[in-house]
């Protein structure tokens, strides 16, 4: 699904790379292209939340088209998470990065990266805006959970990873996992994701609008749903916000 030859465009300042991707898609400018921001004035997070952007962090959106079905496109969120975790591990040590369902990368119990997908229909299939932010140099302190940045985990005299260098290291990993989704299905990616699952086996609270579910995180279904064991049996969660109060 992901073209390794996609060019990179860098903006000194923009409202949001994912908003720019949507604007381009609506003008039928469909890429593939990487859109990178040094600073965002209106960054977006999941469910319309603001995403705080700081200088030195990576803020990226890949705009492209695909003829793959929606179920496979949705799996790109998991592929991106695994690719980001692998890239982070190469910098700070194997096994450092974990994956919190559905779209966050965690280090030491704090959020280091978030992922979003936006899509729309075009004549050739579907346009996709795959967006993510990575706290390389600085961690925002005004969101609803603990945050961390890569720089804080390096020796005192070591510089933060440079955003474009981090992206260059990430791209082949993301492209590889994307190709495996098409060629092998979800199972290899599901296995890799579960090996890094944050909170697996722990008590969790899942908020879905006005509804709250409580249970123990049991795994990830073959469709990417969170498996939650509750007092009334196993529930498959397709969407929601997960809180793990007892995980350090």
C-alpha atoms as a PDB file:
ATOM      1  CA  UNK A   1       0.000   0.000   0.000  1.00  0.00           C
ATOM      2  CA  UNK A   2       2.850   2.389   0.800  1.00  0.00           C
ATOM      3  CA  UNK A   3       5.180   3.610  -1.940  1.00  0.00           C
ATOM      4  CA  UNK A   4       8.786   3.800  -0.806  1.00  0.00           C
ATOM      5  CA  UNK A   5       9.508   6.438  -3.468  1.00  0.00           C
ATOM      6  CA  UNK A   6       7.078   9.028  -2.065  1.00  0.00           C
ATOM      7  CA  UNK A   7       8.764  12.462  -1.867  1.00  0.00           C
ATOM      8  CA  UNK A   8       8.968  14.539   1.301  1.00  0.00           C
ATOM      9  CA  UNK A   9       7.661  18.111   1.654  1.00  0.00           C
ATOM     10  CA  UNK A  10       8.648  20.106   4.745  1.00  0.00           C
ATOM     11  CA  UNK A  11       6.667  23.082   6.091  1.00  0.00           C
ATOM     12  CA  UNK A  12       8.215  25.570   8.501  1.00  0.00           C
ATOM     13  CA  UNK A  13       4.701  26.158   9.840  1.00  0.00           C
ATOM     14  CA  UNK A  14       1.267  24.817   8.931  1.00  0.00           C
ATOM     15  CA  UNK A  15      -2.041  24.336  10.709  1.00  0.00           C
ATOM     16  CA  UNK A  16      -1.845  20.526  10.520  1.00  0.00           C
ATOM     17  CA  UNK A  17      -0.280  18.048   8.118  1.00  0.00           C
ATOM     18  CA  UNK A  18      -3.357  15.824   8.220  1.00  0.00           C
ATOM     19  CA  UNK A  19      -5.592  18.804   7.424  1.00  0.00           C
ATOM     20  CA  UNK A  20      -3.295  19.689   4.528  1.00  0.00           C
ATOM     21  CA  UNK A  21      -3.551  16.097   3.296  1.00  0.00           C
ATOM     22  CA  UNK A  22      -7.344  16.296   3.315  1.00  0.00           C
ATOM     23  CA  UNK A  23      -7.294  19.620   1.464  1.00  0.00           C
ATOM     24  CA  UNK A  24      -5.077  18.122  -1.202  1.00  0.00           C
ATOM     25  CA  UNK A  25      -7.219  15.015  -1.510  1.00  0.00           C
ATOM     26  CA  UNK A  26     -10.308  17.163  -1.970  1.00  0.00           C
ATOM     27  CA  UNK A  27      -8.458  18.933  -4.815  1.00  0.00           C
ATOM     28  CA  UNK A  28      -7.632  15.503  -6.269  1.00  0.00           C
ATOM     29  CA  UNK A  29      -3.937  15.959  -5.441  1.00  0.00           C
ATOM     30  CA  UNK A  30      -3.458  12.449  -4.167  1.00  0.00           C
ATOM     31  CA  UNK A  31       0.275  11.955  -3.755  1.00  0.00           C
ATOM     32  CA  UNK A  32       1.963   9.814  -2.684  1.00  0.00           C
ATOM     33  CA  UNK A  33       3.728  12.437  -0.600  1.00  0.00           C
ATOM     34  CA  UNK A  34       5.045  12.851   2.926  1.00  0.00           C
ATOM     35  CA  UNK A  35       4.004  16.127   4.564  1.00  0.00           C
ATOM     36  CA  UNK A  36       6.270  17.142   7.450  1.00  0.00           C
ATOM     37  CA  UNK A  37       5.784  20.129   9.759  1.00  0.00           C
ATOM     38  CA  UNK A  38       8.410  21.851  11.864  1.00  0.00           C
ATOM     39  CA  UNK A  39       5.573  23.556  13.724  1.00  0.00           C
ATOM     40  CA  UNK A  40       1.798  23.049  13.697  1.00  0.00           C
ATOM     41  CA  UNK A  41      -0.676  25.683  14.805  1.00  0.00           C
ATOM     42  CA  UNK A  42      -3.744  23.416  14.889  1.00  0.00           C
ATOM     43  CA  UNK A  43      -2.485  19.873  15.289  1.00  0.00           C
ATOM     44  CA  UNK A  44      -5.175  17.228  15.544  1.00  0.00           C
ATOM     45  CA  UNK A  45      -5.291  14.159  17.728  1.00  0.00           C
ATOM     46  CA  UNK A  46      -7.695  11.272  17.892  1.00  0.00           C
ATOM     47  CA  UNK A  47     -11.423  12.080  18.218  1.00  0.00           C
ATOM     48  CA  UNK A  48     -10.788  15.720  17.350  1.00  0.00           C
ATOM     49  CA  UNK A  49      -8.525  16.438  20.310  1.00  0.00           C
ATOM     50  CA  UNK A  50      -5.806  19.044  19.961  1.00  0.00           C
ATOM     51  CA  UNK A  51      -2.312  17.678  19.409  1.00  0.00           C
ATOM     52  CA  UNK A  52       0.360  19.926  20.869  1.00  0.00           C
ATOM     53  CA  UNK A  53       3.378  20.361  18.597  1.00  0.00           C
ATOM     54  CA  UNK A  54       6.845  21.369  19.720  1.00  0.00           C
ATOM     55  CA  UNK A  55       9.939  22.219  17.738  1.00  0.00           C
ATOM     56  CA  UNK A  56      12.256  19.285  17.157  1.00  0.00           C
ATOM     57  CA  UNK A  57       9.477  16.694  17.209  1.00  0.00           C
ATOM     58  CA  UNK A  58       8.331  14.740  14.154  1.00  0.00           C
ATOM     59  CA  UNK A  59       4.882  15.676  12.842  1.00  0.00           C
ATOM     60  CA  UNK A  60       4.157  13.712   9.686  1.00  0.00           C
ATOM     61  CA  UNK A  61       1.361  12.676   7.339  1.00  0.00           C
ATOM     62  CA  UNK A  62       1.646  10.333   4.376  1.00  0.00           C
ATOM     63  CA  UNK A  63      -0.998  10.978   1.691  1.00  0.00           C
ATOM     64  CA  UNK A  64      -1.572   8.216  -0.858  1.00  0.00           C
ATOM     65  CA  UNK A  65      -4.252   6.205  -2.643  1.00  0.00           C
ATOM     66  CA  UNK A  66      -4.965   2.491  -2.522  1.00  0.00           C
ATOM     67  CA  UNK A  67      -7.415  -0.028  -3.899  1.00  0.00           C
ATOM     68  CA  UNK A  68      -7.235  -2.144  -0.744  1.00  0.00           C
ATOM     69  CA  UNK A  69     -10.477  -2.647   1.246  1.00  0.00           C
ATOM     70  CA  UNK A  70     -11.223  -0.565   4.342  1.00  0.00           C
ATOM     71  CA  UNK A  71     -10.458  -3.469   6.680  1.00  0.00           C
ATOM     72  CA  UNK A  72      -6.871  -3.627   5.429  1.00  0.00           C
ATOM     73  CA  UNK A  73      -6.423   0.137   5.424  1.00  0.00           C
ATOM     74  CA  UNK A  74      -7.435   0.215   9.096  1.00  0.00           C
ATOM     75  CA  UNK A  75      -4.588  -2.192   9.893  1.00  0.00           C
ATOM     76  CA  UNK A  76      -2.082   0.477   8.889  1.00  0.00           C
ATOM     77  CA  UNK A  77      -2.495   1.968  12.352  1.00  0.00           C
ATOM     78  CA  UNK A  78      -1.069  -1.217  13.868  1.00  0.00           C
ATOM     79  CA  UNK A  79       1.680  -1.366  11.220  1.00  0.00           C
ATOM     80  CA  UNK A  80       2.669   2.206  12.009  1.00  0.00           C
ATOM     81  CA  UNK A  81       2.754   1.480  15.720  1.00  0.00           C
ATOM     82  CA  UNK A  82       5.059  -1.515  15.285  1.00  0.00           C
ATOM     83  CA  UNK A  83       7.303   0.380  12.854  1.00  0.00           C
ATOM     84  CA  UNK A  84       7.550   3.342  15.239  1.00  0.00           C
ATOM     85  CA  UNK A  85       8.345   1.041  18.159  1.00  0.00           C
ATOM     86  CA  UNK A  86      11.074  -0.699  16.158  1.00  0.00           C
ATOM     87  CA  UNK A  87      12.580   2.645  15.180  1.00  0.00           C
ATOM     88  CA  UNK A  88      12.518   3.918  18.752  1.00  0.00           C
ATOM     89  CA  UNK A  89      14.069   0.693  20.048  1.00  0.00           C
ATOM     90  CA  UNK A  90      16.971   1.127  17.631  1.00  0.00           C
ATOM     91  CA  UNK A  91      17.726   4.432  19.386  1.00  0.00           C
ATOM     92  CA  UNK A  92      17.141   3.681  23.062  1.00  0.00           C
ATOM     93  CA  UNK A  93      17.313  -0.119  23.321  1.00  0.00           C
ATOM     94  CA  UNK A  94      15.394  -3.238  22.361  1.00  0.00           C
ATOM     95  CA  UNK A  95      12.054  -3.712  24.074  1.00  0.00           C
ATOM     96  CA  UNK A  96      11.779  -0.089  25.199  1.00  0.00           C
ATOM     97  CA  UNK A  97       8.659   0.866  23.232  1.00  0.00           C
ATOM     98  CA  UNK A  98       5.226  -0.616  23.897  1.00  0.00           C
ATOM     99  CA  UNK A  99       1.929  -0.272  22.052  1.00  0.00           C
ATOM    100  CA  UNK A 100      -1.292   0.883  23.688  1.00  0.00           C
ATOM    101  CA  UNK A 101      -4.486   0.045  21.846  1.00  0.00           C
ATOM    102  CA  UNK A 102      -5.527   1.419  19.510  1.00  0.00           C
ATOM    103  CA  UNK A 103      -2.980   4.005  18.373  1.00  0.00           C
ATOM    104  CA  UNK A 104      -0.334   5.047  20.919  1.00  0.00           C
ATOM    105  CA  UNK A 105       3.334   4.233  21.460  1.00  0.00           C
ATOM    106  CA  UNK A 106       4.371   4.201  25.119  1.00  0.00           C
ATOM    107  CA  UNK A 107       7.765   4.247  26.839  1.00  0.00           C
ATOM    108  CA  UNK A 108       8.068   3.737  30.610  1.00  0.00           C
ATOM    109  CA  UNK A 109       4.316   4.094  31.009  1.00  0.00           C
ATOM    110  CA  UNK A 110       4.095   7.416  29.167  1.00  0.00           C
ATOM    111  CA  UNK A 111       2.982   8.398  25.667  1.00  0.00           C
ATOM    112  CA  UNK A 112       5.739   9.031  23.135  1.00  0.00           C
ATOM    113  CA  UNK A 113       3.740   8.919  19.911  1.00  0.00           C
ATOM    114  CA  UNK A 114       0.197   8.957  18.579  1.00  0.00           C
ATOM    115  CA  UNK A 115      -1.227   7.771  15.255  1.00  0.00           C
ATOM    116  CA  UNK A 116      -4.261   8.824  13.188  1.00  0.00           C
ATOM    117  CA  UNK A 117      -5.887   7.688   9.932  1.00  0.00           C
ATOM    118  CA  UNK A 118      -8.129   9.778   7.706  1.00  0.00           C
ATOM    119  CA  UNK A 119      -9.676   8.436   4.497  1.00  0.00           C
ATOM    120  CA  UNK A 120     -12.010   9.319   1.653  1.00  0.00           C
ATOM    121  CA  UNK A 121     -13.304   7.879  -1.598  1.00  0.00           C
ATOM    122  CA  UNK A 122     -11.898   8.707  -5.037  1.00  0.00           C
ATOM    123  CA  UNK A 123     -12.391   7.191  -8.482  1.00  0.00           C
ATOM    124  CA  UNK A 124      -9.296   5.022  -8.135  1.00  0.00           C
ATOM    125  CA  UNK A 125     -10.266   3.661  -4.714  1.00  0.00           C
ATOM    126  CA  UNK A 126      -9.497   5.331  -1.384  1.00  0.00           C
ATOM    127  CA  UNK A 127      -7.236   8.201  -0.403  1.00  0.00           C
ATOM    128  CA  UNK A 128      -5.487   7.708   2.889  1.00  0.00           C
ATOM    129  CA  UNK A 129      -3.815  10.207   5.212  1.00  0.00           C
ATOM    130  CA  UNK A 130      -1.656   8.269   7.660  1.00  0.00           C
ATOM    131  CA  UNK A 131      -0.519  10.719  10.343  1.00  0.00           C
ATOM    132  CA  UNK A 132       1.608  10.472  13.442  1.00  0.00           C
ATOM    133  CA  UNK A 133       3.557  12.594  15.865  1.00  0.00           C
ATOM    134  CA  UNK A 134       6.676  11.475  17.730  1.00  0.00           C
ATOM    135  CA  UNK A 135       8.047  13.253  20.792  1.00  0.00           C
ATOM    136  CA  UNK A 136      11.715  13.382  19.852  1.00  0.00           C
ATOM    137  CA  UNK A 137      12.937  16.556  21.550  1.00  0.00           C
ATOM    138  CA  UNK A 138      10.106  17.613  23.848  1.00  0.00           C
ATOM    139  CA  UNK A 139       7.040  16.139  25.533  1.00  0.00           C
ATOM    140  CA  UNK A 140       3.778  18.107  25.721  1.00  0.00           C
ATOM    141  CA  UNK A 141       2.384  18.535  29.217  1.00  0.00           C
ATOM    142  CA  UNK A 142      -1.180  19.593  28.487  1.00  0.00           C
ATOM    143  CA  UNK A 143      -2.801  16.366  27.355  1.00  0.00           C
ATOM    144  CA  UNK A 144      -4.839  13.835  29.330  1.00  0.00           C
ATOM    145  CA  UNK A 145      -2.006  11.385  30.057  1.00  0.00           C
ATOM    146  CA  UNK A 146       1.666  11.235  30.971  1.00  0.00           C
ATOM    147  CA  UNK A 147       4.073  11.974  28.126  1.00  0.00           C
ATOM    148  CA  UNK A 148       7.738  11.349  27.436  1.00  0.00           C
ATOM    149  CA  UNK A 149      10.251  12.264  24.733  1.00  0.00           C
ATOM    150  CA  UNK A 150      13.205  10.356  23.293  1.00  0.00           C
ATOM    151  CA  UNK A 151      15.685  13.067  24.274  1.00  0.00           C
ATOM    152  CA  UNK A 152      14.978  12.464  27.972  1.00  0.00           C
ATOM    153  CA  UNK A 153      16.071   8.842  27.601  1.00  0.00           C
ATOM    154  CA  UNK A 154      19.445   9.589  26.026  1.00  0.00           C
ATOM    155  CA  UNK A 155      22.745  10.491  27.722  1.00  0.00           C
ATOM    156  CA  UNK A 156      22.889  14.139  28.870  1.00  0.00           C
ATOM    157  CA  UNK A 157      25.259  15.164  26.083  1.00  0.00           C
ATOM    158  CA  UNK A 158      23.382  13.355  23.305  1.00  0.00           C
ATOM    159  CA  UNK A 159      21.191  15.407  20.925  1.00  0.00           C
ATOM    160  CA  UNK A 160      17.586  14.506  20.217  1.00  0.00           C
ATOM    161  CA  UNK A 161      17.048  12.480  17.037  1.00  0.00           C
ATOM    162  CA  UNK A 162      16.608  14.750  14.029  1.00  0.00           C
ATOM    163  CA  UNK A 163      13.028  14.451  12.665  1.00  0.00           C
ATOM    164  CA  UNK A 164      13.925  13.732   9.034  1.00  0.00           C
ATOM    165  CA  UNK A 165      16.590  11.224  10.072  1.00  0.00           C
ATOM    166  CA  UNK A 166      14.030   9.455  12.280  1.00  0.00           C
ATOM    167  CA  UNK A 167      11.588   9.406   9.355  1.00  0.00           C
ATOM    168  CA  UNK A 168      14.267   7.956   7.061  1.00  0.00           C
ATOM    169  CA  UNK A 169      14.865   5.134   9.541  1.00  0.00           C
ATOM    170  CA  UNK A 170      11.131   4.533   9.971  1.00  0.00           C
ATOM    171  CA  UNK A 171      10.128   4.412   6.316  1.00  0.00           C
ATOM    172  CA  UNK A 172      11.520   0.991   5.323  1.00  0.00           C
ATOM    173  CA  UNK A 173      10.017  -0.570   8.444  1.00  0.00           C
ATOM    174  CA  UNK A 174       6.594   0.918   7.711  1.00  0.00           C
ATOM    175  CA  UNK A 175       6.793  -0.043   4.048  1.00  0.00           C
ATOM    176  CA  UNK A 176       7.749  -3.593   5.008  1.00  0.00           C
ATOM    177  CA  UNK A 177       4.852  -4.060   7.413  1.00  0.00           C
ATOM    178  CA  UNK A 178       2.444  -2.523   4.903  1.00  0.00           C
ATOM    179  CA  UNK A 179       3.568  -5.011   2.268  1.00  0.00           C
ATOM    180  CA  UNK A 180       3.141  -7.892   4.714  1.00  0.00           C
ATOM    181  CA  UNK A 181      -0.464  -6.877   5.400  1.00  0.00           C
ATOM    182  CA  UNK A 182      -1.205  -7.251   1.687  1.00  0.00           C
ATOM    183  CA  UNK A 183       0.860 -10.403   1.194  1.00  0.00           C
ATOM    184  CA  UNK A 184       0.333 -12.283   4.453  1.00  0.00           C
ATOM    185  CA  UNK A 185      -2.716 -10.792   6.131  1.00  0.00           C
ATOM    186  CA  UNK A 186      -2.937  -9.476   9.681  1.00  0.00           C
ATOM    187  CA  UNK A 187      -1.565 -12.421  11.660  1.00  0.00           C
ATOM    188  CA  UNK A 188       2.199 -11.648  11.491  1.00  0.00           C
ATOM    189  CA  UNK A 189       1.512  -8.003  12.348  1.00  0.00           C
ATOM    190  CA  UNK A 190      -0.914  -9.008  15.092  1.00  0.00           C
ATOM    191  CA  UNK A 191       1.755 -11.236  16.637  1.00  0.00           C
ATOM    192  CA  UNK A 192       4.355  -8.447  16.496  1.00  0.00           C
ATOM    193  CA  UNK A 193       1.901  -5.964  17.999  1.00  0.00           C
ATOM    194  CA  UNK A 194       0.945  -8.290  20.860  1.00  0.00           C
ATOM    195  CA  UNK A 195       4.597  -8.808  21.751  1.00  0.00           C
ATOM    196  CA  UNK A 196       4.664  -5.100  22.617  1.00  0.00           C
ATOM    197  CA  UNK A 197       1.121  -4.737  23.984  1.00  0.00           C
ATOM    198  CA  UNK A 198       0.961  -2.250  26.848  1.00  0.00           C
ATOM    199  CA  UNK A 199      -1.310  -3.395  29.670  1.00  0.00           C
ATOM    200  CA  UNK A 200      -1.846  -6.939  28.395  1.00  0.00           C
ATOM    201  CA  UNK A 201      -3.390  -8.962  31.203  1.00  0.00           C
ATOM    202  CA  UNK A 202      -4.065  -5.827  33.257  1.00  0.00           C
ATOM    203  CA  UNK A 203      -7.302  -4.339  34.503  1.00  0.00           C
ATOM    204  CA  UNK A 204      -8.582  -1.573  32.237  1.00  0.00           C
ATOM    205  CA  UNK A 205     -11.444   0.855  31.841  1.00  0.00           C
ATOM    206  CA  UNK A 206     -12.748   1.495  28.325  1.00  0.00           C
ATOM    207  CA  UNK A 207     -14.840   4.571  27.661  1.00  0.00           C
ATOM    208  CA  UNK A 208     -17.136   4.560  24.634  1.00  0.00           C
ATOM    209  CA  UNK A 209     -19.061   7.827  24.612  1.00  0.00           C
ATOM    210  CA  UNK A 210     -21.374   7.647  27.630  1.00  0.00           C
ATOM    211  CA  UNK A 211     -20.664   3.965  28.252  1.00  0.00           C
ATOM    212  CA  UNK A 212     -17.833   2.626  30.414  1.00  0.00           C
ATOM    213  CA  UNK A 213     -16.638  -0.974  30.373  1.00  0.00           C
ATOM    214  CA  UNK A 214     -14.287  -2.540  32.903  1.00  0.00           C
ATOM    215  CA  UNK A 215     -12.307  -5.724  32.544  1.00  0.00           C
ATOM    216  CA  UNK A 216      -8.952  -7.308  31.876  1.00  0.00           C
ATOM    217  CA  UNK A 217      -7.138  -6.819  28.563  1.00  0.00           C
ATOM    218  CA  UNK A 218      -6.925 -10.286  27.000  1.00  0.00           C
ATOM    219  CA  UNK A 219      -5.521  -9.626  23.536  1.00  0.00           C
ATOM    220  CA  UNK A 220      -6.192  -8.431  20.025  1.00  0.00           C
ATOM    221  CA  UNK A 221      -8.741 -10.032  17.723  1.00  0.00           C
ATOM    222  CA  UNK A 222      -8.103 -11.126  14.152  1.00  0.00           C
ATOM    223  CA  UNK A 223      -9.802  -7.892  13.040  1.00  0.00           C
ATOM    224  CA  UNK A 224      -7.823  -5.590  15.338  1.00  0.00           C
ATOM    225  CA  UNK A 225     -10.432  -5.256  18.092  1.00  0.00           C
ATOM    226  CA  UNK A 226      -9.374  -5.076  21.724  1.00  0.00           C
ATOM    227  CA  UNK A 227     -10.325  -8.258  23.579  1.00  0.00           C
ATOM    228  CA  UNK A 228     -11.608  -7.326  27.030  1.00  0.00           C
ATOM    229  CA  UNK A 229     -12.623  -9.957  29.592  1.00  0.00           C
ATOM    230  CA  UNK A 230     -15.449  -8.491  31.681  1.00  0.00           C
ATOM    231  CA  UNK A 231     -17.608  -9.846  34.472  1.00  0.00           C
ATOM    232  CA  UNK A 232     -20.202 -10.842  31.861  1.00  0.00           C
ATOM    233  CA  UNK A 233     -17.790 -12.405  29.375  1.00  0.00           C
ATOM    234  CA  UNK A 234     -15.374 -11.368  26.659  1.00  0.00           C
ATOM    235  CA  UNK A 235     -16.152  -8.187  24.762  1.00  0.00           C
ATOM    236  CA  UNK A 236     -14.614  -7.128  21.454  1.00  0.00           C
ATOM    237  CA  UNK A 237     -13.964  -3.389  21.424  1.00  0.00           C
ATOM    238  CA  UNK A 238     -13.788  -1.734  18.002  1.00  0.00           C
ATOM    239  CA  UNK A 239     -13.432   1.841  19.262  1.00  0.00           C
ATOM    240  CA  UNK A 240     -12.908   3.552  22.585  1.00  0.00           C
ATOM    241  CA  UNK A 241     -10.463   5.168  24.985  1.00  0.00           C
ATOM    242  CA  UNK A 242      -8.515   2.786  27.202  1.00  0.00           C
ATOM    243  CA  UNK A 243      -7.315   3.698  30.706  1.00  0.00           C
ATOM    244  CA  UNK A 244      -5.049   1.466  32.761  1.00  0.00           C
ATOM    245  CA  UNK A 245      -5.076   2.853  36.298  1.00  0.00           C
ATOM    246  CA  UNK A 246      -2.977   0.076  37.836  1.00  0.00           C
ATOM    247  CA  UNK A 247      -0.178   0.071  35.253  1.00  0.00           C
ATOM    248  CA  UNK A 248       2.860   2.043  36.355  1.00  0.00           C
END
